Amino acid sequence: EVQLVESGGGLVQAGGSLRLSCAGSGFTFDNYAIGWFRQAPGKEREEVSCISSADDTIYWQDSVKGRFTISRDNAKNTVYLQMNSLKPEDTAVYSCTIDPWSCRYLRTATMSNHYWGQGTQVTVSS
């Protein structure tokens, strides 16, 4: 059974940092692209970042470029999202998902066609 478990969220002041983790099991972790999405209250879910099985990274939101860093530790079956210089507009539930092919396909992930974790809340106060 595929399982994705996010952790590391919390309440932080603007300018602070958090590191999110996405731990996976039930699949061959090394072979999958893994990405982060976020959903703020009253807004659509948006793609944030992805790391491929070859360690290629992409940041889809211009607002996070230079502040967020995605990485993976295949030995621990975990992907990380290091978030620095956090802003109130980063407040959202952050969820991870996987794709056996690529970040390109992962970007189109929906609740019905991909596996997702339960999400972790990130709240940035001003």
PDB file of N, CA and C in Angstrom:
ATOM      1  N   GLU A   1       0.846  -1.183   0.000  1.00  0.00           N
ATOM      2  CA  GLU A   1       0.000   0.000   0.000  1.00  0.00           C
ATOM      3  C   GLU A   1       0.889   1.242   0.000  1.00  0.00           C
ATOM      4  N   VAL A   2       0.600   2.127  -0.931  1.00  0.00           N
ATOM      5  CA  VAL A   2       1.353   3.376  -1.007  1.00  0.00           C
ATOM      6  C   VAL A   2       0.938   4.298   0.135  1.00  0.00           C
ATOM      7  N   GLN A   3       1.932   4.833   0.820  1.00  0.00           N
ATOM      8  CA  GLN A   3       1.669   5.810   1.872  1.00  0.00           C
ATOM      9  C   GLN A   3       2.635   6.975   1.740  1.00  0.00           C
ATOM     10  N   LEU A   4       2.096   8.158   1.907  1.00  0.00           N
ATOM     11  CA  LEU A   4       2.890   9.381   1.941  1.00  0.00           C
ATOM     12  C   LEU A   4       2.526  10.122   3.223  1.00  0.00           C
ATOM     13  N   VAL A   5       3.537  10.482   3.995  1.00  0.00           N
ATOM     14  CA  VAL A   5       3.294  11.148   5.270  1.00  0.00           C
ATOM     15  C   VAL A   5       4.114  12.430   5.317  1.00  0.00           C
ATOM     16  N   GLU A   6       3.420  13.557   5.376  1.00  0.00           N
ATOM     17  CA  GLU A   6       4.086  14.847   5.493  1.00  0.00           C
ATOM     18  C   GLU A   6       4.238  15.238   6.959  1.00  0.00           C
ATOM     19  N   SER A   7       5.287  15.986   7.222  1.00  0.00           N
ATOM     20  CA  SER A   7       5.506  16.517   8.563  1.00  0.00           C
ATOM     21  C   SER A   7       6.350  17.772   8.454  1.00  0.00           C
ATOM     22  N   GLY A   8       6.462  18.477   9.561  1.00  0.00           N
ATOM     23  CA  GLY A   8       7.334  19.643   9.621  1.00  0.00           C
ATOM     24  C   GLY A   8       6.638  20.979   9.555  1.00  0.00           C
ATOM     25  N   GLY A   9       5.339  20.966   9.342  1.00  0.00           N
ATOM     26  CA  GLY A   9       4.622  22.234   9.312  1.00  0.00           C
ATOM     27  C   GLY A   9       4.521  22.845  10.702  1.00  0.00           C
ATOM     28  N   GLY A  10       3.991  24.056  10.731  1.00  0.00           N
ATOM     29  CA  GLY A  10       3.824  24.730  12.010  1.00  0.00           C
ATOM     30  C   GLY A  10       3.560  26.202  11.834  1.00  0.00           C
ATOM     31  N   LEU A  11       3.642  26.903  12.942  1.00  0.00           N
ATOM     32  CA  LEU A  11       3.440  28.350  12.963  1.00  0.00           C
ATOM     33  C   LEU A  11       4.803  29.030  13.071  1.00  0.00           C
ATOM     34  N   VAL A  12       5.046  29.965  12.181  1.00  0.00           N
ATOM     35  CA  VAL A  12       6.328  30.654  12.160  1.00  0.00           C
ATOM     36  C   VAL A  12       6.097  32.116  11.810  1.00  0.00           C
ATOM     37  N   GLN A  13       6.967  32.977  12.292  1.00  0.00           N
ATOM     38  CA  GLN A  13       6.856  34.390  11.944  1.00  0.00           C
ATOM     39  C   GLN A  13       7.421  34.638  10.551  1.00  0.00           C
ATOM     40  N   ALA A  14       6.963  35.698   9.938  1.00  0.00           N
ATOM     41  CA  ALA A  14       7.485  36.080   8.637  1.00  0.00           C
ATOM     42  C   ALA A  14       9.006  36.225   8.714  1.00  0.00           C
ATOM     43  N   GLY A  15       9.672  35.697   7.690  1.00  0.00           N
ATOM     44  CA  GLY A  15      11.126  35.707   7.678  1.00  0.00           C
ATOM     45  C   GLY A  15      11.752  34.446   8.226  1.00  0.00           C
ATOM     46  N   GLY A  16      10.942  33.625   8.861  1.00  0.00           N
ATOM     47  CA  GLY A  16      11.446  32.394   9.458  1.00  0.00           C
ATOM     48  C   GLY A  16      11.558  31.266   8.448  1.00  0.00           C
ATOM     49  N   SER A  17      11.908  30.096   8.948  1.00  0.00           N
ATOM     50  CA  SER A  17      12.138  28.927   8.097  1.00  0.00           C
ATOM     51  C   SER A  17      11.432  27.696   8.647  1.00  0.00           C
ATOM     52  N   LEU A  18      11.100  26.813   7.755  1.00  0.00           N
ATOM     53  CA  LEU A  18      10.573  25.496   8.101  1.00  0.00           C
ATOM     54  C   LEU A  18      11.119  24.493   7.098  1.00  0.00           C
ATOM     55  N   ARG A  19      11.251  23.261   7.536  1.00  0.00           N
ATOM     56  CA  ARG A  19      11.607  22.187   6.615  1.00  0.00           C
ATOM     57  C   ARG A  19      10.521  21.124   6.657  1.00  0.00           C
ATOM     58  N   LEU A  20       9.870  20.961   5.534  1.00  0.00           N
ATOM     59  CA  LEU A  20       8.841  19.941   5.418  1.00  0.00           C
ATOM     60  C   LEU A  20       9.464  18.633   4.957  1.00  0.00           C
ATOM     61  N   SER A  21       8.882  17.534   5.425  1.00  0.00           N
ATOM     62  CA  SER A  21       9.315  16.206   5.012  1.00  0.00           C
ATOM     63  C   SER A  21       8.139  15.441   4.432  1.00  0.00           C
ATOM     64  N   CYS A  22       8.434  14.637   3.440  1.00  0.00           N
ATOM     65  CA  CYS A  22       7.445  13.732   2.843  1.00  0.00           C
ATOM     66  C   CYS A  22       8.072  12.346   2.835  1.00  0.00           C
ATOM     67  N   ALA A  23       7.595  11.495   3.708  1.00  0.00           N
ATOM     68  CA  ALA A  23       8.128  10.137   3.814  1.00  0.00           C
ATOM     69  C   ALA A  23       7.230   9.173   3.046  1.00  0.00           C
ATOM     70  N   GLY A  24       7.826   8.388   2.177  1.00  0.00           N
ATOM     71  CA  GLY A  24       7.046   7.481   1.343  1.00  0.00           C
ATOM     72  C   GLY A  24       7.323   6.014   1.645  1.00  0.00           C
ATOM     73  N   SER A  25       6.323   5.183   1.427  1.00  0.00           N
ATOM     74  CA  SER A  25       6.472   3.741   1.566  1.00  0.00           C
ATOM     75  C   SER A  25       5.483   3.042   0.645  1.00  0.00           C
ATOM     76  N   GLY A  26       5.782   1.768   0.375  1.00  0.00           N
ATOM     77  CA  GLY A  26       4.873   0.989  -0.459  1.00  0.00           C
ATOM     78  C   GLY A  26       5.136   1.094  -1.946  1.00  0.00           C
ATOM     79  N   PHE A  27       6.230   1.737  -2.317  1.00  0.00           N
ATOM     80  CA  PHE A  27       6.597   1.850  -3.722  1.00  0.00           C
ATOM     81  C   PHE A  27       8.124   2.012  -3.800  1.00  0.00           C
ATOM     82  N   THR A  28       8.660   1.864  -5.001  1.00  0.00           N
ATOM     83  CA  THR A  28      10.120   1.988  -5.190  1.00  0.00           C
ATOM     84  C   THR A  28      10.471   3.463  -5.250  1.00  0.00           C
ATOM     85  N   PHE A  29      10.809   3.993  -4.119  1.00  0.00           N
ATOM     86  CA  PHE A  29      10.957   5.440  -3.928  1.00  0.00           C
ATOM     87  C   PHE A  29      11.890   6.060  -4.954  1.00  0.00           C
ATOM     88  N   ASP A  30      13.027   5.406  -5.194  1.00  0.00           N
ATOM     89  CA  ASP A  30      14.046   5.983  -6.077  1.00  0.00           C
ATOM     90  C   ASP A  30      13.523   6.260  -7.487  1.00  0.00           C
ATOM     91  N   ASN A  31      12.523   5.536  -7.902  1.00  0.00           N
ATOM     92  CA  ASN A  31      12.068   5.595  -9.292  1.00  0.00           C
ATOM     93  C   ASN A  31      11.014   6.661  -9.559  1.00  0.00           C
ATOM     94  N   TYR A  32      10.603   7.369  -8.541  1.00  0.00           N
ATOM     95  CA  TYR A  32       9.480   8.285  -8.660  1.00  0.00           C
ATOM     96  C   TYR A  32       9.895   9.741  -8.582  1.00  0.00           C
ATOM     97  N   ALA A  33       9.213  10.560  -9.375  1.00  0.00           N
ATOM     98  CA  ALA A  33       9.249  11.998  -9.162  1.00  0.00           C
ATOM     99  C   ALA A  33       8.335  12.310  -7.981  1.00  0.00           C
ATOM    100  N   ILE A  34       8.763  13.240  -7.155  1.00  0.00           N
ATOM    101  CA  ILE A  34       7.985  13.586  -5.959  1.00  0.00           C
ATOM    102  C   ILE A  34       7.865  15.095  -5.890  1.00  0.00           C
ATOM    103  N   GLY A  35       6.678  15.561  -5.634  1.00  0.00           N
ATOM    104  CA  GLY A  35       6.460  17.000  -5.649  1.00  0.00           C
ATOM    105  C   GLY A  35       5.581  17.490  -4.520  1.00  0.00           C
ATOM    106  N   TRP A  36       5.603  18.806  -4.362  1.00  0.00           N
ATOM    107  CA  TRP A  36       4.811  19.486  -3.344  1.00  0.00           C
ATOM    108  C   TRP A  36       3.789  20.400  -3.995  1.00  0.00           C
ATOM    109  N   PHE A  37       2.594  20.359  -3.440  1.00  0.00           N
ATOM    110  CA  PHE A  37       1.528  21.286  -3.793  1.00  0.00           C
ATOM    111  C   PHE A  37       1.109  21.996  -2.507  1.00  0.00           C
ATOM    112  N   ARG A  38       0.405  23.095  -2.665  1.00  0.00           N
ATOM    113  CA  ARG A  38      -0.132  23.775  -1.489  1.00  0.00           C
ATOM    114  C   ARG A  38      -1.508  24.336  -1.807  1.00  0.00           C
ATOM    115  N   GLN A  39      -2.304  24.450  -0.766  1.00  0.00           N
ATOM    116  CA  GLN A  39      -3.634  25.027  -0.922  1.00  0.00           C
ATOM    117  C   GLN A  39      -3.901  25.969   0.233  1.00  0.00           C
ATOM    118  N   ALA A  40      -4.065  27.223  -0.104  1.00  0.00           N
ATOM    119  CA  ALA A  40      -4.398  28.245   0.890  1.00  0.00           C
ATOM    120  C   ALA A  40      -5.908  28.321   1.049  1.00  0.00           C
ATOM    121  N   PRO A  41      -6.375  28.811   2.180  1.00  0.00           N
ATOM    122  CA  PRO A  41      -7.824  28.907   2.410  1.00  0.00           C
ATOM    123  C   PRO A  41      -8.512  29.705   1.312  1.00  0.00           C
ATOM    124  N   GLY A  42      -9.565  29.130   0.749  1.00  0.00           N
ATOM    125  CA  GLY A  42     -10.330  29.807  -0.270  1.00  0.00           C
ATOM    126  C   GLY A  42      -9.692  29.872  -1.634  1.00  0.00           C
ATOM    127  N   LYS A  43      -8.569  29.177  -1.801  1.00  0.00           N
ATOM    128  CA  LYS A  43      -7.875  29.220  -3.088  1.00  0.00           C
ATOM    129  C   LYS A  43      -7.733  27.824  -3.669  1.00  0.00           C
ATOM    130  N   GLU A  44      -7.435  27.797  -4.965  1.00  0.00           N
ATOM    131  CA  GLU A  44      -7.179  26.528  -5.627  1.00  0.00           C
ATOM    132  C   GLU A  44      -5.823  25.957  -5.185  1.00  0.00           C
ATOM    133  N   ARG A  45      -5.722  24.644  -5.239  1.00  0.00           N
ATOM    134  CA  ARG A  45      -4.435  24.017  -4.975  1.00  0.00           C
ATOM    135  C   ARG A  45      -3.465  24.406  -6.095  1.00  0.00           C
ATOM    136  N   GLU A  46      -2.235  24.685  -5.730  1.00  0.00           N
ATOM    137  CA  GLU A  46      -1.242  25.049  -6.734  1.00  0.00           C
ATOM    138  C   GLU A  46       0.029  24.226  -6.554  1.00  0.00           C
ATOM    139  N   GLU A  47       0.645  23.946  -7.680  1.00  0.00           N
ATOM    140  CA  GLU A  47       1.897  23.199  -7.654  1.00  0.00           C
ATOM    141  C   GLU A  47       3.023  24.116  -7.165  1.00  0.00           C
ATOM    142  N   VAL A  48       3.933  23.548  -6.399  1.00  0.00           N
ATOM    143  CA  VAL A  48       5.028  24.343  -5.840  1.00  0.00           C
ATOM    144  C   VAL A  48       6.373  23.909  -6.411  1.00  0.00           C
ATOM    145  N   SER A  49       6.710  22.646  -6.234  1.00  0.00           N
ATOM    146  CA  SER A  49       8.040  22.195  -6.624  1.00  0.00           C
ATOM    147  C   SER A  49       8.040  20.691  -6.820  1.00  0.00           C
ATOM    148  N   CYS A  50       9.036  20.227  -7.550  1.00  0.00           N
ATOM    149  CA  CYS A  50       9.140  18.792  -7.826  1.00  0.00           C
ATOM    150  C   CYS A  50      10.604  18.405  -7.987  1.00  0.00           C
ATOM    151  N   ILE A  51      10.902  17.163  -7.608  1.00  0.00           N
ATOM    152  CA  ILE A  51      12.234  16.614  -7.837  1.00  0.00           C
ATOM    153  C   ILE A  51      12.062  15.278  -8.550  1.00  0.00           C
ATOM    154  N   SER A  52      12.801  15.114  -9.621  1.00  0.00           N
ATOM    155  CA  SER A  52      12.672  13.894 -10.413  1.00  0.00           C
ATOM    156  C   SER A  52      13.488  12.765  -9.805  1.00  0.00           C
ATOM    157  N   SER A  53      13.353  11.590 -10.377  1.00  0.00           N
ATOM    158  CA  SER A  53      14.140  10.446  -9.927  1.00  0.00           C
ATOM    159  C   SER A  53      15.626  10.653 -10.218  1.00  0.00           C
ATOM    160  N   ALA A  54      15.919  11.562 -11.151  1.00  0.00           N
ATOM    161  CA  ALA A  54      17.317  11.871 -11.487  1.00  0.00           C
ATOM    162  C   ALA A  54      17.821  13.093 -10.732  1.00  0.00           C
ATOM    163  N   ASP A  55      17.045  13.546  -9.757  1.00  0.00           N
ATOM    164  CA  ASP A  55      17.410  14.698  -8.925  1.00  0.00           C
ATOM    165  C   ASP A  55      17.316  16.031  -9.646  1.00  0.00           C
ATOM    166  N   ASP A  56      16.637  16.070 -10.771  1.00  0.00           N
ATOM    167  CA  ASP A  56      16.356  17.366 -11.395  1.00  0.00           C
ATOM    168  C   ASP A  56      15.249  18.042 -10.597  1.00  0.00           C
ATOM    169  N   THR A  57      15.401  19.332 -10.391  1.00  0.00           N
ATOM    170  CA  THR A  57      14.415  20.055  -9.589  1.00  0.00           C
ATOM    171  C   THR A  57      13.742  21.141 -10.408  1.00  0.00           C
ATOM    172  N   ILE A  58      12.525  21.451 -10.026  1.00  0.00           N
ATOM    173  CA  ILE A  58      11.796  22.518 -10.678  1.00  0.00           C
ATOM    174  C   ILE A  58      10.934  23.229  -9.641  1.00  0.00           C
ATOM    175  N   TYR A  59      10.838  24.521  -9.785  1.00  0.00           N
ATOM    176  CA  TYR A  59      10.011  25.350  -8.910  1.00  0.00           C
ATOM    177  C   TYR A  59       9.015  26.067  -9.803  1.00  0.00           C
ATOM    178  N   TRP A  60       7.745  25.716  -9.650  1.00  0.00           N
ATOM    179  CA  TRP A  60       6.753  26.229 -10.566  1.00  0.00           C
ATOM    180  C   TRP A  60       6.268  27.632 -10.214  1.00  0.00           C
ATOM    181  N   GLN A  61       6.314  27.964  -8.959  1.00  0.00           N
ATOM    182  CA  GLN A  61       5.850  29.280  -8.548  1.00  0.00           C
ATOM    183  C   GLN A  61       7.018  30.254  -8.449  1.00  0.00           C
ATOM    184  N   ASP A  62       6.932  31.334  -9.190  1.00  0.00           N
ATOM    185  CA  ASP A  62       8.009  32.321  -9.141  1.00  0.00           C
ATOM    186  C   ASP A  62       8.206  32.856  -7.734  1.00  0.00           C
ATOM    187  N   SER A  63       7.136  32.875  -6.962  1.00  0.00           N
ATOM    188  CA  SER A  63       7.209  33.453  -5.624  1.00  0.00           C
ATOM    189  C   SER A  63       8.079  32.650  -4.665  1.00  0.00           C
ATOM    190  N   VAL A  64       8.369  31.392  -4.989  1.00  0.00           N
ATOM    191  CA  VAL A  64       9.170  30.573  -4.078  1.00  0.00           C
ATOM    192  C   VAL A  64      10.610  30.402  -4.560  1.00  0.00           C
ATOM    193  N   LYS A  65      10.867  30.812  -5.781  1.00  0.00           N
ATOM    194  CA  LYS A  65      12.230  30.646  -6.319  1.00  0.00           C
ATOM    195  C   LYS A  65      13.217  31.466  -5.505  1.00  0.00           C
ATOM    196  N   GLY A  66      14.310  30.830  -5.136  1.00  0.00           N
ATOM    197  CA  GLY A  66      15.314  31.479  -4.314  1.00  0.00           C
ATOM    198  C   GLY A  66      15.054  31.377  -2.825  1.00  0.00           C
ATOM    199  N   ARG A  67      13.856  30.942  -2.455  1.00  0.00           N
ATOM    200  CA  ARG A  67      13.515  30.804  -1.032  1.00  0.00           C
ATOM    201  C   ARG A  67      13.299  29.347  -0.633  1.00  0.00           C
ATOM    202  N   PHE A  68      12.741  28.544  -1.531  1.00  0.00           N
ATOM    203  CA  PHE A  68      12.457  27.140  -1.252  1.00  0.00           C
ATOM    204  C   PHE A  68      13.477  26.258  -1.959  1.00  0.00           C
ATOM    205  N   THR A  69      13.833  25.161  -1.304  1.00  0.00           N
ATOM    206  CA  THR A  69      14.734  24.183  -1.903  1.00  0.00           C
ATOM    207  C   THR A  69      14.181  22.791  -1.678  1.00  0.00           C
ATOM    208  N   ILE A  70      14.034  22.054  -2.758  1.00  0.00           N
ATOM    209  CA  ILE A  70      13.553  20.675  -2.656  1.00  0.00           C
ATOM    210  C   ILE A  70      14.742  19.734  -2.781  1.00  0.00           C
ATOM    211  N   SER A  71      14.703  18.652  -2.010  1.00  0.00           N
ATOM    212  CA  SER A  71      15.787  17.667  -2.063  1.00  0.00           C
ATOM    213  C   SER A  71      15.210  16.307  -1.682  1.00  0.00           C
ATOM    214  N   ARG A  72      15.975  15.278  -1.934  1.00  0.00           N
ATOM    215  CA  ARG A  72      15.510  13.933  -1.579  1.00  0.00           C
ATOM    216  C   ARG A  72      16.653  13.116  -0.988  1.00  0.00           C
ATOM    217  N   ASP A  73      16.275  12.223  -0.095  1.00  0.00           N
ATOM    218  CA  ASP A  73      17.205  11.266   0.500  1.00  0.00           C
ATOM    219  C   ASP A  73      16.601   9.891   0.259  1.00  0.00           C
ATOM    220  N   ASN A  74      17.068   9.239  -0.790  1.00  0.00           N
ATOM    221  CA  ASN A  74      16.475   7.950  -1.152  1.00  0.00           C
ATOM    222  C   ASN A  74      16.730   6.881  -0.099  1.00  0.00           C
ATOM    223  N   ALA A  75      17.818   7.013   0.642  1.00  0.00           N
ATOM    224  CA  ALA A  75      18.109   6.042   1.700  1.00  0.00           C
ATOM    225  C   ALA A  75      17.059   6.112   2.804  1.00  0.00           C
ATOM    226  N   LYS A  76      16.458   7.288   2.967  1.00  0.00           N
ATOM    227  CA  LYS A  76      15.432   7.467   3.992  1.00  0.00           C
ATOM    228  C   LYS A  76      14.030   7.519   3.403  1.00  0.00           C
ATOM    229  N   ASN A  77      13.934   7.328   2.093  1.00  0.00           N
ATOM    230  CA  ASN A  77      12.624   7.401   1.427  1.00  0.00           C
ATOM    231  C   ASN A  77      11.890   8.702   1.769  1.00  0.00           C
ATOM    232  N   THR A  78      12.638   9.790   1.723  1.00  0.00           N
ATOM    233  CA  THR A  78      12.072  11.066   2.152  1.00  0.00           C
ATOM    234  C   THR A  78      12.468  12.189   1.196  1.00  0.00           C
ATOM    235  N   VAL A  79      11.511  13.049   0.923  1.00  0.00           N
ATOM    236  CA  VAL A  79      11.757  14.285   0.189  1.00  0.00           C
ATOM    237  C   VAL A  79      11.542  15.448   1.140  1.00  0.00           C
ATOM    238  N   TYR A  80      12.383  16.449   1.005  1.00  0.00           N
ATOM    239  CA  TYR A  80      12.322  17.614   1.880  1.00  0.00           C
ATOM    240  C   TYR A  80      11.984  18.867   1.068  1.00  0.00           C
ATOM    241  N   LEU A  81      11.339  19.799   1.740  1.00  0.00           N
ATOM    242  CA  LEU A  81      11.138  21.128   1.183  1.00  0.00           C
ATOM    243  C   LEU A  81      11.606  22.129   2.226  1.00  0.00           C
ATOM    244  N   GLN A  82      12.787  22.672   1.992  1.00  0.00           N
ATOM    245  CA  GLN A  82      13.320  23.692   2.887  1.00  0.00           C
ATOM    246  C   GLN A  82      12.740  25.032   2.481  1.00  0.00           C
ATOM    247  N   MET A  83      12.080  25.684   3.392  1.00  0.00           N
ATOM    248  CA  MET A  83      11.408  26.951   3.109  1.00  0.00           C
ATOM    249  C   MET A  83      12.021  28.046   3.970  1.00  0.00           C
ATOM    250  N   ASN A  84      12.663  28.984   3.335  1.00  0.00           N
ATOM    251  CA  ASN A  84      13.295  30.102   4.030  1.00  0.00           C
ATOM    252  C   ASN A  84      12.589  31.413   3.689  1.00  0.00           C
ATOM    253  N   SER A  85      12.861  32.415   4.487  1.00  0.00           N
ATOM    254  CA  SER A  85      12.285  33.747   4.264  1.00  0.00           C
ATOM    255  C   SER A  85      10.776  33.654   4.034  1.00  0.00           C
ATOM    256  N   LEU A  86      10.129  32.932   4.900  1.00  0.00           N
ATOM    257  CA  LEU A  86       8.699  32.694   4.729  1.00  0.00           C
ATOM    258  C   LEU A  86       7.894  33.977   4.816  1.00  0.00           C
ATOM    259  N   LYS A  87       6.817  33.997   4.032  1.00  0.00           N
ATOM    260  CA  LYS A  87       5.937  35.150   3.958  1.00  0.00           C
ATOM    261  C   LYS A  87       4.515  34.724   4.338  1.00  0.00           C
ATOM    262  N   PRO A  88       3.703  35.651   4.795  1.00  0.00           N
ATOM    263  CA  PRO A  88       2.317  35.283   5.132  1.00  0.00           C
ATOM    264  C   PRO A  88       1.580  34.618   3.964  1.00  0.00           C
ATOM    265  N   GLU A  89       1.913  34.979   2.744  1.00  0.00           N
ATOM    266  CA  GLU A  89       1.251  34.381   1.595  1.00  0.00           C
ATOM    267  C   GLU A  89       1.669  32.940   1.329  1.00  0.00           C
ATOM    268  N   ASP A  90       2.656  32.451   2.083  1.00  0.00           N
ATOM    269  CA  ASP A  90       3.030  31.031   2.004  1.00  0.00           C
ATOM    270  C   ASP A  90       2.120  30.164   2.872  1.00  0.00           C
ATOM    271  N   THR A  91       1.270  30.792   3.661  1.00  0.00           N
ATOM    272  CA  THR A  91       0.357  30.051   4.520  1.00  0.00           C
ATOM    273  C   THR A  91      -0.553  29.159   3.689  1.00  0.00           C
ATOM    274  N   ALA A  92      -0.538  27.865   3.994  1.00  0.00           N
ATOM    275  CA  ALA A  92      -1.309  26.892   3.227  1.00  0.00           C
ATOM    276  C   ALA A  92      -1.131  25.509   3.848  1.00  0.00           C
ATOM    277  N   VAL A  93      -1.937  24.580   3.370  1.00  0.00           N
ATOM    278  CA  VAL A  93      -1.681  23.165   3.648  1.00  0.00           C
ATOM    279  C   VAL A  93      -0.799  22.650   2.521  1.00  0.00           C
ATOM    280  N   TYR A  94       0.332  22.088   2.897  1.00  0.00           N
ATOM    281  CA  TYR A  94       1.286  21.571   1.923  1.00  0.00           C
ATOM    282  C   TYR A  94       1.160  20.046   1.861  1.00  0.00           C
ATOM    283  N   SER A  95       1.035  19.535   0.640  1.00  0.00           N
ATOM    284  CA  SER A  95       0.869  18.100   0.438  1.00  0.00           C
ATOM    285  C   SER A  95       1.866  17.609  -0.600  1.00  0.00           C
ATOM    286  N   CYS A  96       2.273  16.355  -0.446  1.00  0.00           N
ATOM    287  CA  CYS A  96       3.174  15.785  -1.436  1.00  0.00           C
ATOM    288  C   CYS A  96       2.458  14.705  -2.239  1.00  0.00           C
ATOM    289  N   THR A  97       2.968  14.500  -3.435  1.00  0.00           N
ATOM    290  CA  THR A  97       2.424  13.491  -4.325  1.00  0.00           C
ATOM    291  C   THR A  97       3.550  12.890  -5.148  1.00  0.00           C
ATOM    292  N   ILE A  98       3.278  11.789  -5.807  1.00  0.00           N
ATOM    293  CA  ILE A  98       4.317  11.070  -6.541  1.00  0.00           C
ATOM    294  C   ILE A  98       3.853  10.767  -7.964  1.00  0.00           C
ATOM    295  N   ASP A  99       4.832  10.586  -8.839  1.00  0.00           N
ATOM    296  CA  ASP A  99       4.524  10.181 -10.206  1.00  0.00           C
ATOM    297  C   ASP A  99       5.628   9.260 -10.705  1.00  0.00           C
ATOM    298  N   PRO A 100       5.249   8.139 -11.322  1.00  0.00           N
ATOM    299  CA  PRO A 100       6.274   7.193 -11.777  1.00  0.00           C
ATOM    300  C   PRO A 100       7.021   7.658 -13.026  1.00  0.00           C
ATOM    301  N   TRP A 101       6.555   8.708 -13.648  1.00  0.00           N
ATOM    302  CA  TRP A 101       7.179   9.138 -14.898  1.00  0.00           C
ATOM    303  C   TRP A 101       8.029  10.381 -14.762  1.00  0.00           C
ATOM    304  N   SER A 102       7.434  11.501 -14.387  1.00  0.00           N
ATOM    305  CA  SER A 102       8.208  12.742 -14.416  1.00  0.00           C
ATOM    306  C   SER A 102       7.490  13.857 -13.670  1.00  0.00           C
ATOM    307  N   CYS A 103       8.223  14.935 -13.441  1.00  0.00           N
ATOM    308  CA  CYS A 103       7.612  16.129 -12.851  1.00  0.00           C
ATOM    309  C   CYS A 103       6.596  16.749 -13.802  1.00  0.00           C
ATOM    310  N   ARG A 104       6.807  16.598 -15.068  1.00  0.00           N
ATOM    311  CA  ARG A 104       5.846  17.120 -16.038  1.00  0.00           C
ATOM    312  C   ARG A 104       4.473  16.529 -15.816  1.00  0.00           C
ATOM    313  N   TYR A 105       4.405  15.209 -15.624  1.00  0.00           N
ATOM    314  CA  TYR A 105       3.116  14.567 -15.383  1.00  0.00           C
ATOM    315  C   TYR A 105       2.632  14.838 -13.969  1.00  0.00           C
ATOM    316  N   LEU A 106       3.572  14.907 -13.028  1.00  0.00           N
ATOM    317  CA  LEU A 106       3.185  15.171 -11.645  1.00  0.00           C
ATOM    318  C   LEU A 106       2.467  16.505 -11.526  1.00  0.00           C
ATOM    319  N   ARG A 107       2.843  17.446 -12.356  1.00  0.00           N
ATOM    320  CA  ARG A 107       2.231  18.768 -12.293  1.00  0.00           C
ATOM    321  C   ARG A 107       0.735  18.715 -12.541  1.00  0.00           C
ATOM    322  N   THR A 108       0.267  17.709 -13.261  1.00  0.00           N
ATOM    323  CA  THR A 108      -1.157  17.572 -13.575  1.00  0.00           C
ATOM    324  C   THR A 108      -1.893  16.691 -12.574  1.00  0.00           C
ATOM    325  N   ALA A 109      -1.232  16.343 -11.476  1.00  0.00           N
ATOM    326  CA  ALA A 109      -1.818  15.423 -10.497  1.00  0.00           C
ATOM    327  C   ALA A 109      -3.133  15.956  -9.934  1.00  0.00           C
ATOM    328  N   THR A 110      -4.067  15.053  -9.772  1.00  0.00           N
ATOM    329  CA  THR A 110      -5.331  15.369  -9.118  1.00  0.00           C
ATOM    330  C   THR A 110      -5.548  14.394  -7.970  1.00  0.00           C
ATOM    331  N   MET A 111      -6.559  14.670  -7.171  1.00  0.00           N
ATOM    332  CA  MET A 111      -6.833  13.795  -6.032  1.00  0.00           C
ATOM    333  C   MET A 111      -7.228  12.407  -6.489  1.00  0.00           C
ATOM    334  N   SER A 112      -7.754  12.298  -7.691  1.00  0.00           N
ATOM    335  CA  SER A 112      -8.268  11.010  -8.147  1.00  0.00           C
ATOM    336  C   SER A 112      -7.247  10.187  -8.912  1.00  0.00           C
ATOM    337  N   ASN A 113      -6.212  10.826  -9.467  1.00  0.00           N
ATOM    338  CA  ASN A 113      -5.301  10.062 -10.313  1.00  0.00           C
ATOM    339  C   ASN A 113      -3.892   9.920  -9.745  1.00  0.00           C
ATOM    340  N   HIS A 114      -3.657  10.423  -8.544  1.00  0.00           N
ATOM    341  CA  HIS A 114      -2.343  10.292  -7.910  1.00  0.00           C
ATOM    342  C   HIS A 114      -2.519  10.027  -6.412  1.00  0.00           C
ATOM    343  N   TYR A 115      -1.481   9.477  -5.835  1.00  0.00           N
ATOM    344  CA  TYR A 115      -1.443   9.294  -4.391  1.00  0.00           C
ATOM    345  C   TYR A 115      -1.014  10.602  -3.730  1.00  0.00           C
ATOM    346  N   TRP A 116      -1.624  10.873  -2.567  1.00  0.00           N
ATOM    347  CA  TRP A 116      -1.321  12.095  -1.829  1.00  0.00           C
ATOM    348  C   TRP A 116      -1.151  11.774  -0.353  1.00  0.00           C
ATOM    349  N   GLY A 117      -0.382  12.598   0.326  1.00  0.00           N
ATOM    350  CA  GLY A 117      -0.346  12.533   1.765  1.00  0.00           C
ATOM    351  C   GLY A 117      -1.503  13.315   2.355  1.00  0.00           C
ATOM    352  N   GLN A 118      -1.548  13.353   3.686  1.00  0.00           N
ATOM    353  CA  GLN A 118      -2.664  14.026   4.360  1.00  0.00           C
ATOM    354  C   GLN A 118      -2.454  15.532   4.454  1.00  0.00           C
ATOM    355  N   GLY A 119      -1.225  15.975   4.201  1.00  0.00           N
ATOM    356  CA  GLY A 119      -0.920  17.400   4.246  1.00  0.00           C
ATOM    357  C   GLY A 119      -0.404  17.848   5.597  1.00  0.00           C
ATOM    358  N   THR A 120       0.323  18.944   5.573  1.00  0.00           N
ATOM    359  CA  THR A 120       0.817  19.554   6.807  1.00  0.00           C
ATOM    360  C   THR A 120       0.579  21.060   6.718  1.00  0.00           C
ATOM    361  N   GLN A 121       0.082  21.628   7.788  1.00  0.00           N
ATOM    362  CA  GLN A 121      -0.294  23.036   7.800  1.00  0.00           C
ATOM    363  C   GLN A 121       0.934  23.916   8.051  1.00  0.00           C
ATOM    364  N   VAL A 122       1.088  24.909   7.208  1.00  0.00           N
ATOM    365  CA  VAL A 122       2.109  25.935   7.404  1.00  0.00           C
ATOM    366  C   VAL A 122       1.391  27.267   7.577  1.00  0.00           C
ATOM    367  N   THR A 123       1.671  27.921   8.693  1.00  0.00           N
ATOM    368  CA  THR A 123       1.070  29.224   8.962  1.00  0.00           C
ATOM    369  C   THR A 123       2.179  30.224   9.240  1.00  0.00           C
ATOM    370  N   VAL A 124       2.181  31.287   8.462  1.00  0.00           N
ATOM    371  CA  VAL A 124       3.205  32.323   8.610  1.00  0.00           C
ATOM    372  C   VAL A 124       2.516  33.591   9.082  1.00  0.00           C
ATOM    373  N   SER A 125       2.913  34.053  10.246  1.00  0.00           N
ATOM    374  CA  SER A 125       2.309  35.262  10.812  1.00  0.00           C
ATOM    375  C   SER A 125       3.129  36.491  10.417  1.00  0.00           C
ATOM    376  N   SER A 126       2.427  37.589  10.278  1.00  0.00           N
ATOM    377  CA  SER A 126       3.105  38.834   9.863  1.00  0.00           C
ATOM    378  C   SER A 126       3.603  39.624  11.056  1.00  0.00           C
TER     379      SER A 126
END
